[in-house]
Amino acid sequence: MGEVFLIEPSKNYREEFISMIRDYEKHEDEEYFNLYKEALEDFDKYVDKLLNNSKGIGLPKDRVASSTYWLVNKNSDVLGVIRIRHELNSEFLRNIIGHIGYDISPSNRRKGYGETILRLGLEKVKEMNISNVLVTCKSDNHASSKVIEKNNGVFECEIVDSESNNIYRKYWINMNSLEVKIKKYYESYDEDSRLIKDKSHSIEFITTTKYLDRYISKGDKVLEVGAGTGKYSFYFAENGCDVTALELSEKHVEIMKNKLNDNIFNMEAVQGNALDLSRFEDEIYDSILCLGPMYHLTKEEDRTKCIKECLRVLKPGGFIAIAYISKFAHFTDMVKRNKDDINDRGLQSIVKTGVESNDPNSCFYFSTYDDIEKLMNDNEVQKTLHIATDGISDMLRDSVNDFTNEEFNLWMQYHLDTCENPNLIGYSKHCLYIGRKN
């Protein structure tokens, strides 16, 4: 699936939209052909009607404002349509129809566009300040159910439409949930180049792999939970491990799958949540890499649940690696970037709570050496190592990046000589705990 995006209805897309209508007609999909056929009679009038609907202009008293967007690709093909109702003013809307309706033209189904159009539509919903979104589908439409669930839909109940006797499944999507915030953050962040974009950033990857190589061997079965774009997963797959990379962000999963198309590795990339590893059987992995979830799990019970799930699928005697961000290093780094941040009460709260309190869109959690030690001790993990993976390099980023290769090697030697010293770990932006399951 190439790049796609949503646009407002436009008279410039006459041929492309009519082509979509003909696709419904060709496949004898009467429901959607009938929905769009008025565009065949007067396309310009149809587009004006949709644009007016989004502003609540000219609507009957029992209708609500509804914004329509078309899913298009780089070739300007119209692949599908999503409709977002601004409010739910009737029992019918609150039980059967919901806030969002969408469809993908028959020739473009089973290509991942359904999941994409809903994800992009939810970004529009957030702009409308709708905090809880109702999305429904017929109970026998299993594909739509999966699309909604992948977009964080939480099932409420099934309900029968008294007019049609159809059974509908009701899902709610909380636009303020942590999962939504995490996905939104990574939609605009280039995670794929984070560990390689300069000398300073590369230290974390160099250090982490150097230490993990002590415990992970060729042929091992490895699960990476919160794999990002797979930098570590691909590293161990290239070194002969059987790797499963589980990642929350659909964007990141697609990046990994595209890379796998160009390479032959014993590796699988799947979308999923670190709090639910139920797809995996007990005690089947030699090693678990949990190098991302602790960056984001702001609730203590979620951090505990994540560790317990990781340990459940780990073999007895297997190794678990947990990465986290130091709250102390983050605090000083933010003040270094902008000295006025020392007055920021939200930033000040990080030291006490691990969460930046004044940012409603924050999806990060900042921890400490002691917090992680306690978390792993409480779960009866036998500590092997606890190290600083980038040390003070992030604070000295400009200097480190200006090093010659010889100077950088000297810095790396200093870093590796000191990264196990517990007196220095707190100043490292990123840290790593490695332990063994009893």
Protein backbone atom coordinates (compact mmCIF):
# COMPACT_ATOMS: atom_id res chain seq x y z
CA MET A 1 0.00 0.00 0.00
CA GLY A 2 1.48 3.31 -1.09
CA GLU A 3 0.99 6.73 0.47
CA VAL A 4 -2.64 7.75 0.88
CA PHE A 5 -4.35 10.74 2.49
CA LEU A 6 -7.74 12.29 3.13
CA ILE A 7 -9.10 15.27 1.21
CA GLU A 8 -12.32 17.22 1.41
CA PRO A 9 -14.73 16.57 -1.49
CA SER A 10 -13.46 18.44 -4.55
CA LYS A 11 -14.85 19.15 -7.99
CA ASN A 12 -11.35 18.50 -9.32
CA TYR A 13 -11.86 14.78 -8.65
CA ARG A 14 -14.93 14.27 -10.84
CA GLU A 15 -13.54 11.46 -12.99
CA GLU A 16 -11.88 9.68 -10.07
CA PHE A 17 -14.98 9.77 -7.86
CA ILE A 18 -17.25 8.61 -10.67
CA SER A 19 -14.79 5.79 -11.35
CA MET A 20 -15.25 4.71 -7.73
CA ILE A 21 -19.05 4.74 -8.15
CA ARG A 22 -18.78 2.59 -11.27
CA ASP A 23 -16.66 0.15 -9.28
CA TYR A 24 -19.57 -0.32 -6.86
CA GLU A 25 -21.93 -0.74 -9.80
CA LYS A 26 -19.65 -3.26 -11.49
CA HIS A 27 -19.49 -5.37 -8.33
CA GLU A 28 -23.26 -5.07 -7.81
CA ASP A 29 -22.84 -3.38 -4.44
CA GLU A 30 -26.24 -1.71 -4.39
CA GLU A 31 -25.93 -0.22 -0.90
CA TYR A 32 -23.02 2.05 -1.74
CA PHE A 33 -23.91 2.55 -5.39
CA ASN A 34 -27.26 3.97 -4.26
CA LEU A 35 -25.48 6.12 -1.68
CA TYR A 36 -23.34 7.82 -4.31
CA LYS A 37 -25.36 7.65 -7.53
CA GLU A 38 -26.70 11.20 -7.21
CA ALA A 39 -23.15 12.34 -8.01
CA LEU A 40 -23.64 10.85 -11.49
CA GLU A 41 -26.52 13.23 -12.17
CA ASP A 42 -24.91 16.51 -11.05
CA PHE A 43 -21.42 16.10 -9.60
CA ASP A 44 -20.85 19.78 -8.77
CA LYS A 45 -24.14 19.97 -6.90
CA TYR A 46 -23.27 16.78 -5.01
CA VAL A 47 -19.91 18.18 -3.89
CA ASP A 48 -21.53 21.46 -2.77
CA LYS A 49 -24.04 19.45 -0.75
CA LEU A 50 -21.29 17.54 1.07
CA LEU A 51 -19.38 20.70 1.86
CA ASN A 52 -22.53 22.37 3.17
CA ASN A 53 -23.32 19.30 5.27
CA SER A 54 -19.99 19.69 7.04
CA LYS A 55 -21.01 23.24 8.04
CA GLY A 56 -24.56 22.28 9.00
CA ILE A 57 -26.00 24.33 6.12
CA GLY A 58 -29.36 23.35 4.60
CA LEU A 59 -29.89 20.28 6.76
CA PRO A 60 -33.34 18.93 7.69
CA LYS A 61 -34.16 19.36 11.40
CA ASP A 62 -33.49 15.71 12.21
CA ARG A 63 -30.05 15.63 10.53
CA VAL A 64 -26.69 16.48 12.11
CA ALA A 65 -23.67 18.10 10.54
CA SER A 66 -21.40 15.54 8.94
CA SER A 67 -17.93 15.98 7.44
CA THR A 68 -17.02 13.81 4.47
CA TYR A 69 -13.48 12.99 3.36
CA TRP A 70 -12.20 11.00 0.39
CA LEU A 71 -9.24 8.64 0.66
CA VAL A 72 -6.95 9.22 -2.32
CA ASN A 73 -3.52 8.03 -3.42
CA LYS A 74 -0.70 9.77 -5.29
CA ASN A 75 -2.40 8.94 -8.58
CA SER A 76 -5.49 10.85 -7.41
CA ASP A 77 -7.57 7.65 -7.36
CA VAL A 78 -10.48 7.83 -4.91
CA LEU A 79 -10.23 4.62 -2.89
CA GLY A 80 -12.91 5.15 -0.28
CA VAL A 81 -15.02 7.58 1.73
CA ILE A 82 -15.37 8.35 5.43
CA ARG A 83 -18.21 10.31 7.03
CA ILE A 84 -17.86 11.87 10.49
CA ARG A 85 -21.01 13.00 12.31
CA HIS A 86 -20.38 15.91 14.64
CA GLU A 87 -22.89 14.74 17.26
CA LEU A 88 -25.28 11.92 18.06
CA ASN A 89 -28.74 13.46 18.59
CA SER A 90 -30.97 10.39 18.37
CA GLU A 91 -31.24 6.84 19.67
CA PHE A 92 -30.67 5.59 16.12
CA LEU A 93 -27.34 7.43 15.88
CA ARG A 94 -26.33 6.52 19.44
CA ASN A 95 -27.04 2.82 18.94
CA ILE A 96 -26.84 1.88 15.26
CA ILE A 97 -24.96 4.47 13.19
CA GLY A 98 -22.41 6.09 15.49
CA HIS A 99 -20.06 8.96 14.74
CA ILE A 100 -18.24 7.37 11.82
CA GLY A 101 -19.20 5.52 8.67
CA TYR A 102 -16.67 4.53 6.04
CA ASP A 103 -16.34 2.32 2.99
CA ILE A 104 -13.63 1.17 0.59
CA SER A 105 -14.44 0.56 -3.07
CA PRO A 106 -14.68 -3.15 -3.98
CA SER A 107 -11.51 -3.28 -6.08
CA ASN A 108 -9.46 -1.82 -3.21
CA ARG A 109 -10.65 -4.01 -0.36
CA ARG A 110 -8.44 -6.44 1.57
CA LYS A 111 -5.44 -4.15 1.01
CA GLY A 112 -5.33 -2.46 4.42
CA TYR A 113 -7.18 0.68 3.33
CA GLY A 114 -10.04 0.15 5.80
CA GLU A 115 -7.69 0.35 8.77
CA THR A 116 -5.96 3.37 7.24
CA ILE A 117 -9.08 5.39 6.43
CA LEU A 118 -10.39 4.95 9.97
CA ARG A 119 -7.03 5.90 11.48
CA LEU A 120 -6.83 9.04 9.35
CA GLY A 121 -10.47 9.80 10.07
CA LEU A 122 -9.83 9.64 13.81
CA GLU A 123 -7.20 12.34 13.39
CA LYS A 124 -9.94 14.55 11.93
CA VAL A 125 -12.20 13.61 14.85
CA LYS A 126 -9.60 14.82 17.32
CA GLU A 127 -9.55 18.20 15.58
CA MET A 128 -13.31 18.38 16.22
CA ASN A 129 -12.74 17.86 19.98
CA ILE A 130 -14.87 14.71 20.11
CA SER A 131 -13.33 12.78 23.02
CA ASN A 132 -15.33 9.52 22.84
CA VAL A 133 -16.12 8.16 19.39
CA LEU A 134 -18.78 5.56 18.64
CA VAL A 135 -18.09 3.26 15.69
CA THR A 136 -20.41 0.41 14.75
CA CYS A 137 -20.50 -2.48 12.29
CA LYS A 138 -22.75 -5.41 11.54
CA SER A 139 -22.03 -8.37 13.79
CA ASP A 140 -21.15 -10.63 10.86
CA ASN A 141 -18.69 -8.12 9.36
CA HIS A 142 -15.59 -9.60 10.98
CA ALA A 143 -13.23 -7.55 8.81
CA SER A 144 -14.74 -4.28 10.06
CA SER A 145 -14.59 -5.50 13.65
CA LYS A 146 -10.86 -6.12 13.28
CA VAL A 147 -10.34 -2.69 11.69
CA ILE A 148 -12.12 -0.96 14.57
CA GLU A 149 -10.26 -2.99 17.21
CA LYS A 150 -6.91 -2.18 15.59
CA ASN A 151 -7.84 1.48 15.92
CA ASN A 152 -8.35 1.06 19.69
CA GLY A 153 -12.07 0.34 19.57
CA VAL A 154 -13.36 -1.11 22.84
CA PHE A 155 -16.38 -3.39 22.40
CA GLU A 156 -19.45 -2.38 24.41
CA CYS A 157 -22.32 -4.60 23.30
CA GLU A 158 -24.40 -5.92 20.41
CA ILE A 159 -27.75 -4.33 19.59
CA VAL A 160 -30.57 -5.23 17.20
CA ASP A 161 -31.88 -2.64 14.76
CA SER A 162 -35.66 -2.96 15.09
CA GLU A 163 -36.26 -1.83 11.49
CA SER A 164 -33.85 -4.12 9.65
CA ASN A 165 -33.37 -6.82 12.32
CA ASN A 166 -29.63 -6.54 11.69
CA ILE A 167 -27.35 -7.01 14.70
CA TYR A 168 -24.72 -4.30 15.22
CA ARG A 169 -21.59 -4.29 17.35
CA LYS A 170 -20.89 -1.06 19.24
CA TYR A 171 -17.31 0.09 19.83
CA TRP A 172 -16.03 3.15 21.66
CA ILE A 173 -12.70 4.82 20.92
CA ASN A 174 -11.30 7.10 23.63
CA MET A 175 -9.39 9.83 21.84
CA ASN A 176 -7.53 10.69 25.04
CA SER A 177 -6.31 7.15 25.76
CA LEU A 178 -2.60 6.50 26.14
CA GLU A 179 -2.60 4.12 23.17
CA VAL A 180 -4.07 6.79 20.90
CA LYS A 181 -1.54 9.36 22.12
CA ILE A 182 1.39 6.99 21.50
CA LYS A 183 0.28 6.19 17.97
CA LYS A 184 -0.29 9.85 17.20
CA TYR A 185 3.15 10.79 18.50
CA TYR A 186 4.92 8.29 16.27
CA GLU A 187 2.90 9.27 13.22
CA SER A 188 4.97 12.46 13.06
CA TYR A 189 8.24 11.20 14.57
CA ASP A 190 11.01 9.56 12.54
CA GLU A 191 11.74 6.58 14.79
CA ASP A 192 13.42 4.70 11.93
CA SER A 193 16.48 6.98 11.96
CA ARG A 194 16.63 7.75 15.71
CA LEU A 195 19.48 5.35 16.54
CA ILE A 196 21.59 6.12 13.48
CA LYS A 197 21.17 9.81 12.69
CA ASP A 198 24.47 10.91 14.29
CA LYS A 199 27.35 9.72 16.48
CA SER A 200 25.62 10.68 19.72
CA HIS A 201 22.45 8.73 18.95
CA SER A 202 24.38 5.68 17.74
CA ILE A 203 25.94 5.10 21.17
CA GLU A 204 22.69 3.69 22.59
CA PHE A 205 22.45 1.06 19.83
CA ILE A 206 26.16 0.17 19.94
CA THR A 207 26.07 -0.30 23.72
CA THR A 208 22.78 -2.18 23.83
CA THR A 209 23.75 -4.71 21.16
CA LYS A 210 27.23 -5.17 22.64
CA TYR A 211 25.73 -6.27 25.95
CA LEU A 212 22.78 -8.22 24.54
CA ASP A 213 25.20 -10.23 22.38
CA ARG A 214 26.47 -11.79 25.60
CA TYR A 215 23.11 -13.43 26.25
CA ILE A 216 21.46 -13.93 22.86
CA SER A 217 22.89 -16.55 20.51
CA LYS A 218 22.29 -17.72 16.96
CA GLY A 219 19.20 -19.89 16.77
CA ASP A 220 17.54 -18.32 19.83
CA LYS A 221 13.84 -17.56 19.69
CA VAL A 222 13.48 -13.84 20.46
CA LEU A 223 10.41 -11.67 21.03
CA GLU A 224 10.81 -7.90 20.87
CA VAL A 225 7.89 -6.14 22.54
CA GLY A 226 7.50 -2.56 21.35
CA ALA A 227 9.88 -3.04 18.44
CA GLY A 228 9.57 0.40 16.88
CA THR A 229 10.74 0.08 13.29
CA GLY A 230 12.73 -3.05 14.14
CA LYS A 231 16.30 -1.82 14.50
CA TYR A 232 17.09 -4.43 17.17
CA SER A 233 14.82 -7.10 15.70
CA PHE A 234 16.57 -6.91 12.34
CA TYR A 235 19.98 -6.96 14.04
CA PHE A 236 19.26 -10.25 15.79
CA ALA A 237 17.46 -11.72 12.77
CA GLU A 238 20.54 -10.96 10.67
CA ASN A 239 22.58 -12.79 13.31
CA GLY A 240 20.56 -15.97 12.93
CA CYS A 241 17.85 -15.64 15.56
CA ASP A 242 14.17 -16.50 15.08
CA VAL A 243 12.61 -13.10 15.82
CA THR A 244 9.05 -11.90 16.38
CA ALA A 245 8.70 -8.10 16.43
CA LEU A 246 5.52 -6.86 18.10
CA GLU A 247 4.75 -3.16 17.71
CA LEU A 248 1.80 -0.91 18.62
CA SER A 249 2.14 1.58 15.75
CA GLU A 250 0.68 0.39 12.44
CA LYS A 251 3.05 2.82 10.70
CA HIS A 252 6.06 1.07 12.22
CA VAL A 253 4.72 -2.41 11.44
CA GLU A 254 4.33 -1.41 7.79
CA ILE A 255 7.92 -0.11 7.71
CA MET A 256 9.18 -3.44 9.06
CA LYS A 257 7.09 -5.46 6.63
CA ASN A 258 8.39 -3.40 3.71
CA LYS A 259 11.96 -4.10 4.84
CA LEU A 260 11.19 -7.80 5.17
CA ASN A 261 10.00 -7.84 1.55
CA ASP A 262 13.55 -6.97 0.51
CA ASN A 263 15.31 -9.45 2.80
CA ILE A 264 15.06 -13.09 3.75
CA PHE A 265 15.11 -13.35 7.53
CA ASN A 266 13.52 -15.68 10.03
CA MET A 267 11.49 -12.76 11.35
CA GLU A 268 7.84 -11.75 11.64
CA ALA A 269 6.42 -8.26 12.30
CA VAL A 270 3.00 -8.07 13.98
CA GLN A 271 0.83 -5.30 15.39
CA GLY A 272 -0.06 -5.59 19.05
CA ASN A 273 -0.02 -4.15 22.54
CA ALA A 274 2.66 -4.83 25.18
CA LEU A 275 -0.09 -5.28 27.77
CA ASP A 276 -1.64 -8.21 25.90
CA LEU A 277 0.62 -11.00 24.63
CA SER A 278 -2.20 -13.55 24.65
CA ARG A 279 -1.43 -14.55 21.05
CA PHE A 280 1.79 -16.15 22.34
CA GLU A 281 1.97 -19.39 24.31
CA ASP A 282 3.62 -19.68 27.70
CA GLU A 283 7.41 -20.09 27.98
CA ILE A 284 8.29 -20.26 24.27
CA TYR A 285 10.97 -17.55 23.93
CA ASP A 286 14.64 -17.71 24.89
CA SER A 287 14.87 -13.93 25.25
CA ILE A 288 12.48 -10.99 25.53
CA LEU A 289 13.46 -7.48 24.46
CA CYS A 290 11.21 -4.84 26.05
CA LEU A 291 13.07 -1.79 24.79
CA GLY A 292 10.17 0.62 24.25
CA PRO A 293 7.11 0.08 26.48
CA MET A 294 8.69 1.49 29.66
CA TYR A 295 9.10 4.81 27.79
CA HIS A 296 5.32 5.15 27.70
CA LEU A 297 3.49 3.17 30.38
CA THR A 298 2.53 5.96 32.78
CA LYS A 299 0.57 3.76 35.22
CA GLU A 300 2.35 1.48 37.68
CA GLU A 301 -0.19 -1.31 37.16
CA ASP A 302 0.45 -1.22 33.40
CA ARG A 303 4.20 -1.45 33.88
CA THR A 304 3.71 -4.44 36.15
CA LYS A 305 1.29 -6.06 33.70
CA CYS A 306 3.76 -5.61 30.85
CA ILE A 307 6.57 -7.29 32.79
CA LYS A 308 4.32 -10.16 33.87
CA GLU A 309 3.22 -10.76 30.26
CA CYS A 310 6.84 -10.74 29.09
CA LEU A 311 7.84 -13.20 31.79
CA ARG A 312 4.89 -15.47 31.00
CA VAL A 313 6.09 -16.09 27.45
CA LEU A 314 9.78 -16.34 28.48
CA LYS A 315 11.33 -19.73 29.13
CA PRO A 316 12.65 -20.44 32.66
CA GLY A 317 16.25 -19.27 32.73
CA GLY A 318 15.66 -16.99 29.74
CA PHE A 319 16.82 -13.38 29.59
CA ILE A 320 14.67 -10.25 29.65
CA ALA A 321 15.99 -6.79 28.71
CA ILE A 322 14.15 -3.63 29.80
CA ALA A 323 15.03 -0.16 28.48
CA TYR A 324 13.86 3.05 30.12
CA ILE A 325 14.43 6.83 30.13
CA SER A 326 15.95 8.43 33.22
CA LYS A 327 13.80 11.21 34.73
CA PHE A 328 16.89 13.01 36.04
CA ALA A 329 18.68 13.03 32.69
CA HIS A 330 15.52 14.15 30.91
CA PHE A 331 14.96 17.01 33.37
CA THR A 332 18.49 18.37 32.96
CA ASP A 333 18.36 17.88 29.19
CA MET A 334 15.19 19.97 28.88
CA VAL A 335 16.70 22.77 30.96
CA LYS A 336 19.86 22.60 28.86
CA ARG A 337 17.77 23.07 25.71
CA ASN A 338 15.85 26.00 27.20
CA LYS A 339 16.90 27.50 30.55
CA ASP A 340 13.39 28.95 31.03
CA ASP A 341 12.09 25.40 31.46
CA ILE A 342 13.45 25.44 35.01
CA ASN A 343 10.27 27.42 35.81
CA ASP A 344 7.99 24.89 34.11
CA ARG A 345 5.88 23.22 36.80
CA GLY A 346 4.91 20.43 34.45
CA LEU A 347 8.56 19.62 33.91
CA GLN A 348 9.21 19.86 37.65
CA SER A 349 6.58 17.20 38.26
CA ILE A 350 8.63 14.66 36.29
CA VAL A 351 11.04 14.22 39.20
CA LYS A 352 8.16 13.32 41.55
CA THR A 353 5.78 11.45 39.25
CA GLY A 354 7.72 10.50 36.13
CA VAL A 355 5.09 12.24 33.99
CA GLU A 356 5.09 15.77 32.58
CA SER A 357 1.86 17.05 34.14
CA ASN A 358 1.11 20.16 32.08
CA ASP A 359 1.12 18.49 28.66
CA PRO A 360 -2.24 16.80 27.90
CA ASN A 361 -0.71 15.09 24.88
CA SER A 362 2.23 13.63 26.80
CA CYS A 363 2.66 9.90 26.34
CA PHE A 364 6.04 9.45 28.02
CA TYR A 365 7.08 8.01 31.36
CA PHE A 366 10.45 8.73 32.95
CA SER A 367 11.88 6.31 35.50
CA THR A 368 14.88 5.80 37.79
CA TYR A 369 17.45 3.13 38.55
CA ASP A 370 15.71 2.31 41.83
CA ASP A 371 12.24 2.17 40.26
CA ILE A 372 13.32 -0.40 37.67
CA GLU A 373 15.27 -2.44 40.22
CA LYS A 374 12.17 -2.61 42.43
CA LEU A 375 9.87 -3.47 39.51
CA MET A 376 12.05 -6.39 38.48
CA ASN A 377 12.68 -7.55 42.07
CA ASP A 378 8.94 -7.56 42.74
CA ASN A 379 8.55 -9.87 39.74
CA GLU A 380 11.33 -12.17 40.99
CA VAL A 381 13.72 -11.47 38.12
CA GLN A 382 17.36 -12.26 38.84
CA LYS A 383 19.45 -9.22 37.94
CA THR A 384 22.33 -9.73 35.53
CA LEU A 385 23.29 -6.19 34.52
CA HIS A 386 22.02 -2.63 34.82
CA ILE A 387 23.81 -0.16 32.55
CA ALA A 388 23.77 3.32 31.06
CA THR A 389 23.35 2.85 27.32
CA ASP A 390 24.26 6.37 26.17
CA GLY A 391 25.73 7.88 29.35
CA ILE A 392 26.16 11.63 29.24
CA SER A 393 26.49 11.61 25.45
CA ASP A 394 23.05 13.12 24.95
CA MET A 395 23.98 16.12 27.10
CA LEU A 396 27.25 16.49 25.15
CA ARG A 397 25.61 15.82 21.80
CA ASP A 398 27.26 18.65 19.87
CA SER A 399 30.74 17.77 21.13
CA VAL A 400 30.29 14.05 20.48
CA ASN A 401 29.03 14.70 16.97
CA ASP A 402 32.05 16.89 16.26
CA PHE A 403 34.50 14.12 17.20
CA THR A 404 36.70 12.62 14.52
CA ASN A 405 36.32 8.86 14.18
CA GLU A 406 39.42 8.35 16.34
CA GLU A 407 38.08 10.71 19.01
CA PHE A 408 34.69 9.01 18.92
CA ASN A 409 36.35 5.63 19.49
CA LEU A 410 38.14 7.06 22.54
CA TRP A 411 34.83 8.40 23.84
CA MET A 412 33.19 5.01 23.28
CA GLN A 413 35.98 3.35 25.24
CA TYR A 414 35.40 5.76 28.15
CA HIS A 415 31.67 5.15 27.97
CA LEU A 416 32.00 1.36 27.94
CA ASP A 417 34.49 1.50 30.81
CA THR A 418 32.00 3.41 32.97
CA CYS A 419 28.50 2.42 31.81
CA GLU A 420 28.13 -0.34 34.46
CA ASN A 421 28.99 1.99 37.33
CA PRO A 422 25.76 2.46 39.33
CA ASN A 423 26.96 5.88 40.52
CA LEU A 424 26.79 7.19 36.96
CA ILE A 425 23.70 5.47 35.50
CA GLY A 426 21.28 8.21 36.60
CA TYR A 427 22.84 10.76 34.28
CA SER A 428 22.28 8.55 31.23
CA LYS A 429 19.27 9.48 29.10
CA HIS A 430 18.66 5.82 28.23
CA CYS A 431 19.33 2.86 30.50
CA LEU A 432 19.10 -0.92 30.21
CA TYR A 433 18.29 -3.63 32.75
CA ILE A 434 19.07 -7.26 31.84
CA GLY A 435 17.77 -10.05 34.04
CA ARG A 436 17.06 -13.77 34.07
CA LYS A 437 13.77 -15.49 34.77
CA ASN A 438 13.97 -17.84 37.75
